[in-house]
Every structure is written in structure tokens, then in C-alpha cells.
Amino acid sequence: MINSIDKAIFLDRDGVLNKLINVNGELTSPKIFSDFKIYHDELIKFKKLKSKYLLILITNQPDISRKKMKKNELDKMHKELSKHIDLDEILVCMHDNNDDCTCRKPKPGMLLDAKSRLKINFNKSYLIGDSWRDISAGKKVGVETILINRDAKNINNVLPDYCFDSLDSMFQSNIIK
């Protein structure tokens, strides 16, 4: 079956779709399934966009290669997430910074892979993330970028096209139609 939708919403995971956890005063990605808490009420709003956009998860998960997280825990998290948001693709970079891969954000490899396979028009697409790495990857390919800045983080002078404190406030703005 040929995909008739040529635009996408690329979604970062941690800090956007699920809550970060506090470890010794630092907010970080969950490493075990029992710490994985989804923003349920906010995710339901993506249903209205499903007929117009492909929903593609793009997430860096270096804790796999760092041996701080097991792949089966990641799989459980994505299975749970898929119960709450109808994702068309889940793209994961498990590399660490030193691996110098093309898929680890801020490099745009995951976005370029999706574009190539799914025939996505970046000019009609969005990237929603919570870090400078996400926004930078989106800027490199020309999608509109939306920062979900729940924790008022410094994003290293990378300026998103839009900035909101939650997915709820983003949906209220009606920038994605």
C-alpha cells in the first residue's frame, strides 16, 4: 500500500511524550519500565492529527550502548507508549556521542531515513522536542520546530520556531492543523 500522507510530525520521546525522572537532582530519561510515566491526557490530542500526518517517534537512547539500560526495558516502554499514541514509526538511535553515527540527534539521520522511505515533505512537517539536539536536527532538514520546554532548560542558543511549556499549550495554539 502506498502512503498517501506526505507530511509528518516527528516526536522526541523523553520530556515530550513521557516524564523525565529525577536522579540526584538531575532530570534524565527513565531506565526501567516502572519509571516510565506517559503524559496520557496530552497524547490523546494527537488522534485528531492522525489522518493528516504521519506520527514518527525519533529518540536517542544511548543508555543502551552505555549498558545503563536493557533493550527489553526500552521495548516495554515503546509497547506501552504505542497503546496511547498511534505511531507510524519508532526510530531509535542507541549510539553514544563517541560513536559519531549519522542517526544520533543533533544529526538528522533518523529524519532523513524516514523521509527517504516514507516520501515525507519536510516543508509540510514538524519536529516536536525538548532539547537543543532535537531542535537542531529539525533545523538541519527544514521542518518547523516546536520546543516543549516543561522545565525551562537552556537549549544552547538553538532557536525553535515555536516554544511551549506543554503539549497542551501547543495544541491550544492551533499551530499544527
C-alpha atoms as a PDB file:
ATOM      1  CA  MET A   1       0.000   0.000   0.000  1.00  0.00           C
ATOM      2  CA  ILE A   2       1.360   3.395  -0.981  1.00  0.00           C
ATOM      3  CA  ASN A   3       1.367   6.035   1.728  1.00  0.00           C
ATOM      4  CA  SER A   4      -0.899   8.948   0.740  1.00  0.00           C
ATOM      5  CA  ILE A   5       0.213  11.220   3.580  1.00  0.00           C
ATOM      6  CA  ASP A   6       3.350  13.162   2.719  1.00  0.00           C
ATOM      7  CA  LYS A   7       3.772  15.171   5.916  1.00  0.00           C
ATOM      8  CA  ALA A   8       4.906  14.106   9.350  1.00  0.00           C
ATOM      9  CA  ILE A   9       5.153  15.103  12.956  1.00  0.00           C
ATOM     10  CA  PHE A  10       8.471  13.881  14.323  1.00  0.00           C
ATOM     11  CA  LEU A  11       8.276  13.390  18.070  1.00  0.00           C
ATOM     12  CA  ASP A  12      11.056  13.163  20.591  1.00  0.00           C
ATOM     13  CA  ARG A  13      10.180  10.839  23.457  1.00  0.00           C
ATOM     14  CA  ASP A  14      11.684  11.710  26.841  1.00  0.00           C
ATOM     15  CA  GLY A  15      10.419  15.025  28.185  1.00  0.00           C
ATOM     16  CA  VAL A  16       7.817  15.327  25.430  1.00  0.00           C
ATOM     17  CA  LEU A  17       5.696  12.150  25.470  1.00  0.00           C
ATOM     18  CA  ASN A  18       6.820  10.841  28.853  1.00  0.00           C
ATOM     19  CA  LYS A  19       8.113  12.356  32.057  1.00  0.00           C
ATOM     20  CA  LEU A  20      11.776  12.660  32.870  1.00  0.00           C
ATOM     21  CA  ILE A  21      12.883  11.267  36.217  1.00  0.00           C
ATOM     22  CA  ASN A  22      14.908  12.998  38.905  1.00  0.00           C
ATOM     23  CA  VAL A  23      18.164  11.238  39.754  1.00  0.00           C
ATOM     24  CA  ASN A  24      20.315  13.073  42.296  1.00  0.00           C
ATOM     25  CA  GLY A  25      18.819  16.423  41.312  1.00  0.00           C
ATOM     26  CA  GLU A  26      19.238  15.863  37.561  1.00  0.00           C
ATOM     27  CA  LEU A  27      16.354  15.215  35.181  1.00  0.00           C
ATOM     28  CA  THR A  28      17.082  12.221  32.984  1.00  0.00           C
ATOM     29  CA  SER A  29      15.412   9.584  30.834  1.00  0.00           C
ATOM     30  CA  PRO A  30      13.854   6.596  32.585  1.00  0.00           C
ATOM     31  CA  LYS A  31      15.990   3.460  32.515  1.00  0.00           C
ATOM     32  CA  ILE A  32      13.424   0.935  33.752  1.00  0.00           C
ATOM     33  CA  PHE A  33       9.820   0.431  32.766  1.00  0.00           C
ATOM     34  CA  SER A  34       8.444   1.151  36.258  1.00  0.00           C
ATOM     35  CA  ASP A  35       9.840   4.723  35.958  1.00  0.00           C
ATOM     36  CA  PHE A  36       8.207   5.283  32.548  1.00  0.00           C
ATOM     37  CA  LYS A  37       5.287   7.702  33.027  1.00  0.00           C
ATOM     38  CA  ILE A  38       3.422   8.901  29.944  1.00  0.00           C
ATOM     39  CA  TYR A  39       1.645  12.258  29.568  1.00  0.00           C
ATOM     40  CA  HIS A  40      -1.635  10.405  28.842  1.00  0.00           C
ATOM     41  CA  ASP A  41      -4.011  13.370  28.671  1.00  0.00           C
ATOM     42  CA  GLU A  42      -1.757  15.271  26.297  1.00  0.00           C
ATOM     43  CA  LEU A  43      -1.114  12.364  23.912  1.00  0.00           C
ATOM     44  CA  ILE A  44      -4.776  11.755  23.188  1.00  0.00           C
ATOM     45  CA  LYS A  45      -4.880  15.018  21.250  1.00  0.00           C
ATOM     46  CA  PHE A  46      -2.637  13.558  18.536  1.00  0.00           C
ATOM     47  CA  LYS A  47      -5.612  11.428  17.402  1.00  0.00           C
ATOM     48  CA  LYS A  48      -7.134  14.410  15.601  1.00  0.00           C
ATOM     49  CA  LEU A  49      -3.936  14.842  13.567  1.00  0.00           C
ATOM     50  CA  LYS A  50      -3.570  11.187  12.608  1.00  0.00           C
ATOM     51  CA  SER A  51      -5.495  11.480   9.345  1.00  0.00           C
ATOM     52  CA  LYS A  52      -3.280  14.369   8.183  1.00  0.00           C
ATOM     53  CA  TYR A  53       0.196  13.491   9.472  1.00  0.00           C
ATOM     54  CA  LEU A  54       2.430  10.502   9.930  1.00  0.00           C
ATOM     55  CA  LEU A  55       3.449  10.320  13.596  1.00  0.00           C
ATOM     56  CA  ILE A  56       7.080   9.282  13.886  1.00  0.00           C
ATOM     57  CA  LEU A  57       8.984   8.830  17.118  1.00  0.00           C
ATOM     58  CA  ILE A  58      12.686   9.725  16.876  1.00  0.00           C
ATOM     59  CA  THR A  59      14.608   9.137  20.069  1.00  0.00           C
ATOM     60  CA  ASN A  60      18.218   8.968  21.209  1.00  0.00           C
ATOM     61  CA  GLN A  61      18.663   6.131  23.701  1.00  0.00           C
ATOM     62  CA  PRO A  62      22.427   5.984  24.372  1.00  0.00           C
ATOM     63  CA  ASP A  63      21.911   4.278  27.731  1.00  0.00           C
ATOM     64  CA  ILE A  64      21.565   1.031  25.782  1.00  0.00           C
ATOM     65  CA  SER A  65      25.149   1.239  24.477  1.00  0.00           C
ATOM     66  CA  ARG A  66      26.315   2.648  27.820  1.00  0.00           C
ATOM     67  CA  LYS A  67      24.924  -0.509  29.492  1.00  0.00           C
ATOM     68  CA  LYS A  68      22.742   1.603  31.809  1.00  0.00           C
ATOM     69  CA  MET A  69      19.528   0.302  30.263  1.00  0.00           C
ATOM     70  CA  LYS A  70      18.432  -3.019  28.816  1.00  0.00           C
ATOM     71  CA  LYS A  71      16.872  -3.268  25.376  1.00  0.00           C
ATOM     72  CA  ASN A  72      13.906  -5.226  26.750  1.00  0.00           C
ATOM     73  CA  GLU A  73      13.093  -2.274  29.062  1.00  0.00           C
ATOM     74  CA  LEU A  74      13.130   0.060  26.055  1.00  0.00           C
ATOM     75  CA  ASP A  75      10.868  -2.343  24.167  1.00  0.00           C
ATOM     76  CA  LYS A  76       8.387  -2.411  27.081  1.00  0.00           C
ATOM     77  CA  MET A  77       8.341   1.396  27.157  1.00  0.00           C
ATOM     78  CA  HIS A  78       7.634   1.633  23.430  1.00  0.00           C
ATOM     79  CA  LYS A  79       4.939  -1.026  23.634  1.00  0.00           C
ATOM     80  CA  GLU A  80       3.226   0.962  26.410  1.00  0.00           C
ATOM     81  CA  LEU A  81       3.633   4.232  24.527  1.00  0.00           C
ATOM     82  CA  SER A  82       2.059   2.667  21.436  1.00  0.00           C
ATOM     83  CA  LYS A  83      -1.088   1.957  23.454  1.00  0.00           C
ATOM     84  CA  HIS A  84      -1.564   5.718  23.920  1.00  0.00           C
ATOM     85  CA  ILE A  85      -0.423   7.184  20.610  1.00  0.00           C
ATOM     86  CA  ASP A  86      -0.767   5.600  17.187  1.00  0.00           C
ATOM     87  CA  LEU A  87       2.799   5.897  15.912  1.00  0.00           C
ATOM     88  CA  ASP A  88       3.593   5.103  12.295  1.00  0.00           C
ATOM     89  CA  GLU A  89       7.265   4.515  13.060  1.00  0.00           C
ATOM     90  CA  ILE A  90       9.573   4.273  16.039  1.00  0.00           C
ATOM     91  CA  LEU A  91      13.143   5.192  15.157  1.00  0.00           C
ATOM     92  CA  VAL A  92      15.787   4.763  17.848  1.00  0.00           C
ATOM     93  CA  CYS A  93      19.454   5.700  17.936  1.00  0.00           C
ATOM     94  CA  MET A  94      21.192   3.598  20.566  1.00  0.00           C
ATOM     95  CA  HIS A  95      24.633   5.051  19.879  1.00  0.00           C
ATOM     96  CA  ASP A  96      26.698   7.111  22.299  1.00  0.00           C
ATOM     97  CA  ASN A  97      28.237  10.509  21.483  1.00  0.00           C
ATOM     98  CA  ASN A  98      31.625   8.967  20.664  1.00  0.00           C
ATOM     99  CA  ASP A  99      30.160   6.604  18.053  1.00  0.00           C
ATOM    100  CA  ASP A 100      29.830   9.505  15.579  1.00  0.00           C
ATOM    101  CA  CYS A 101      26.845   7.911  13.863  1.00  0.00           C
ATOM    102  CA  THR A 102      24.580   9.814  11.482  1.00  0.00           C
ATOM    103  CA  CYS A 103      21.381   8.942  13.342  1.00  0.00           C
ATOM    104  CA  ARG A 104      22.090  10.482  16.766  1.00  0.00           C
ATOM    105  CA  LYS A 105      20.439  13.848  17.146  1.00  0.00           C
ATOM    106  CA  PRO A 106      21.511  16.610  16.571  1.00  0.00           C
ATOM    107  CA  LYS A 107      22.433  14.876  13.319  1.00  0.00           C
ATOM    108  CA  PRO A 108      19.373  14.411  11.109  1.00  0.00           C
ATOM    109  CA  GLY A 109      19.864  10.764  10.119  1.00  0.00           C
ATOM    110  CA  MET A 110      16.607   9.446  11.568  1.00  0.00           C
ATOM    111  CA  LEU A 111      14.627  12.210   9.845  1.00  0.00           C
ATOM    112  CA  LEU A 112      16.390  11.635   6.520  1.00  0.00           C
ATOM    113  CA  ASP A 113      15.779   7.888   6.783  1.00  0.00           C
ATOM    114  CA  ALA A 114      12.059   8.446   7.356  1.00  0.00           C
ATOM    115  CA  LYS A 115      11.869  10.960   4.508  1.00  0.00           C
ATOM    116  CA  SER A 116      13.504   8.566   2.083  1.00  0.00           C
ATOM    117  CA  ARG A 117      11.372   5.556   2.958  1.00  0.00           C
ATOM    118  CA  LEU A 118       8.040   7.317   3.531  1.00  0.00           C
ATOM    119  CA  LYS A 119       8.316  10.121   0.930  1.00  0.00           C
ATOM    120  CA  ILE A 120       7.859  12.879   3.508  1.00  0.00           C
ATOM    121  CA  ASN A 121       7.795  16.532   2.510  1.00  0.00           C
ATOM    122  CA  PHE A 122       9.856  18.332   5.162  1.00  0.00           C
ATOM    123  CA  ASN A 123       8.312  21.701   4.166  1.00  0.00           C
ATOM    124  CA  LYS A 124       4.942  20.462   5.457  1.00  0.00           C
ATOM    125  CA  SER A 125       6.299  18.707   8.559  1.00  0.00           C
ATOM    126  CA  TYR A 126       7.088  19.437  12.214  1.00  0.00           C
ATOM    127  CA  LEU A 127       9.512  18.240  14.835  1.00  0.00           C
ATOM    128  CA  ILE A 128       8.482  18.404  18.499  1.00  0.00           C
ATOM    129  CA  GLY A 129      11.307  18.079  21.004  1.00  0.00           C
ATOM    130  CA  ASP A 130      12.539  19.254  24.374  1.00  0.00           C
ATOM    131  CA  SER A 131      16.253  19.819  23.786  1.00  0.00           C
ATOM    132  CA  TRP A 132      18.700  21.674  21.597  1.00  0.00           C
ATOM    133  CA  ARG A 133      19.607  18.324  19.986  1.00  0.00           C
ATOM    134  CA  ASP A 134      16.026  17.850  18.780  1.00  0.00           C
ATOM    135  CA  ILE A 135      15.604  21.399  17.524  1.00  0.00           C
ATOM    136  CA  SER A 136      18.982  21.364  15.781  1.00  0.00           C
ATOM    137  CA  ALA A 137      18.165  18.113  13.939  1.00  0.00           C
ATOM    138  CA  GLY A 138      14.885  19.625  12.750  1.00  0.00           C
ATOM    139  CA  LYS A 139      16.536  22.856  11.635  1.00  0.00           C
ATOM    140  CA  LYS A 140      19.074  20.900   9.566  1.00  0.00           C
ATOM    141  CA  VAL A 141      16.335  19.424   7.379  1.00  0.00           C
ATOM    142  CA  GLY A 142      13.971  22.410   7.286  1.00  0.00           C
ATOM    143  CA  VAL A 143      10.993  21.164   9.280  1.00  0.00           C
ATOM    144  CA  GLU A 144       9.214  23.591  11.580  1.00  0.00           C
ATOM    145  CA  THR A 145      10.479  23.062  15.105  1.00  0.00           C
ATOM    146  CA  ILE A 146       8.492  23.140  18.322  1.00  0.00           C
ATOM    147  CA  LEU A 147      10.211  23.165  21.695  1.00  0.00           C
ATOM    148  CA  ILE A 148       8.296  21.708  24.624  1.00  0.00           C
ATOM    149  CA  ASN A 149      10.175  23.377  27.451  1.00  0.00           C
ATOM    150  CA  ARG A 150       8.485  21.940  30.529  1.00  0.00           C
ATOM    151  CA  ASP A 151      11.493  22.556  32.766  1.00  0.00           C
ATOM    152  CA  ALA A 152      12.775  25.920  31.462  1.00  0.00           C
ATOM    153  CA  LYS A 153      16.012  24.386  30.214  1.00  0.00           C
ATOM    154  CA  ASN A 154      18.796  26.196  28.458  1.00  0.00           C
ATOM    155  CA  ILE A 155      18.805  24.945  24.869  1.00  0.00           C
ATOM    156  CA  ASN A 156      22.245  26.247  23.833  1.00  0.00           C
ATOM    157  CA  ASN A 157      21.072  29.179  21.705  1.00  0.00           C
ATOM    158  CA  VAL A 158      19.279  26.954  19.174  1.00  0.00           C
ATOM    159  CA  LEU A 159      16.065  28.820  18.477  1.00  0.00           C
ATOM    160  CA  PRO A 160      12.923  26.808  17.734  1.00  0.00           C
ATOM    161  CA  ASP A 161      10.168  28.158  15.517  1.00  0.00           C
ATOM    162  CA  TYR A 162       7.734  27.803  18.440  1.00  0.00           C
ATOM    163  CA  CYS A 163       8.097  27.243  22.173  1.00  0.00           C
ATOM    164  CA  PHE A 164       5.506  25.938  24.646  1.00  0.00           C
ATOM    165  CA  ASP A 165       5.551  24.696  28.229  1.00  0.00           C
ATOM    166  CA  SER A 166       3.483  21.579  27.408  1.00  0.00           C
ATOM    167  CA  LEU A 167       1.822  19.691  24.580  1.00  0.00           C
ATOM    168  CA  ASP A 168      -1.494  21.037  25.896  1.00  0.00           C
ATOM    169  CA  SER A 169      -0.429  24.639  25.341  1.00  0.00           C
ATOM    170  CA  MET A 170       0.909  23.694  21.886  1.00  0.00           C
ATOM    171  CA  PHE A 171      -2.436  22.149  20.921  1.00  0.00           C
ATOM    172  CA  GLN A 172      -4.309  25.199  22.252  1.00  0.00           C
ATOM    173  CA  SER A 173      -2.263  27.412  19.920  1.00  0.00           C
ATOM    174  CA  ASN A 174      -3.530  25.523  16.843  1.00  0.00           C
ATOM    175  CA  ILE A 175      -0.209  25.915  15.007  1.00  0.00           C
ATOM    176  CA  ILE A 176      -0.474  22.340  13.770  1.00  0.00           C
ATOM    177  CA  LYS A 177      -3.670  21.904  11.802  1.00  0.00           C
END
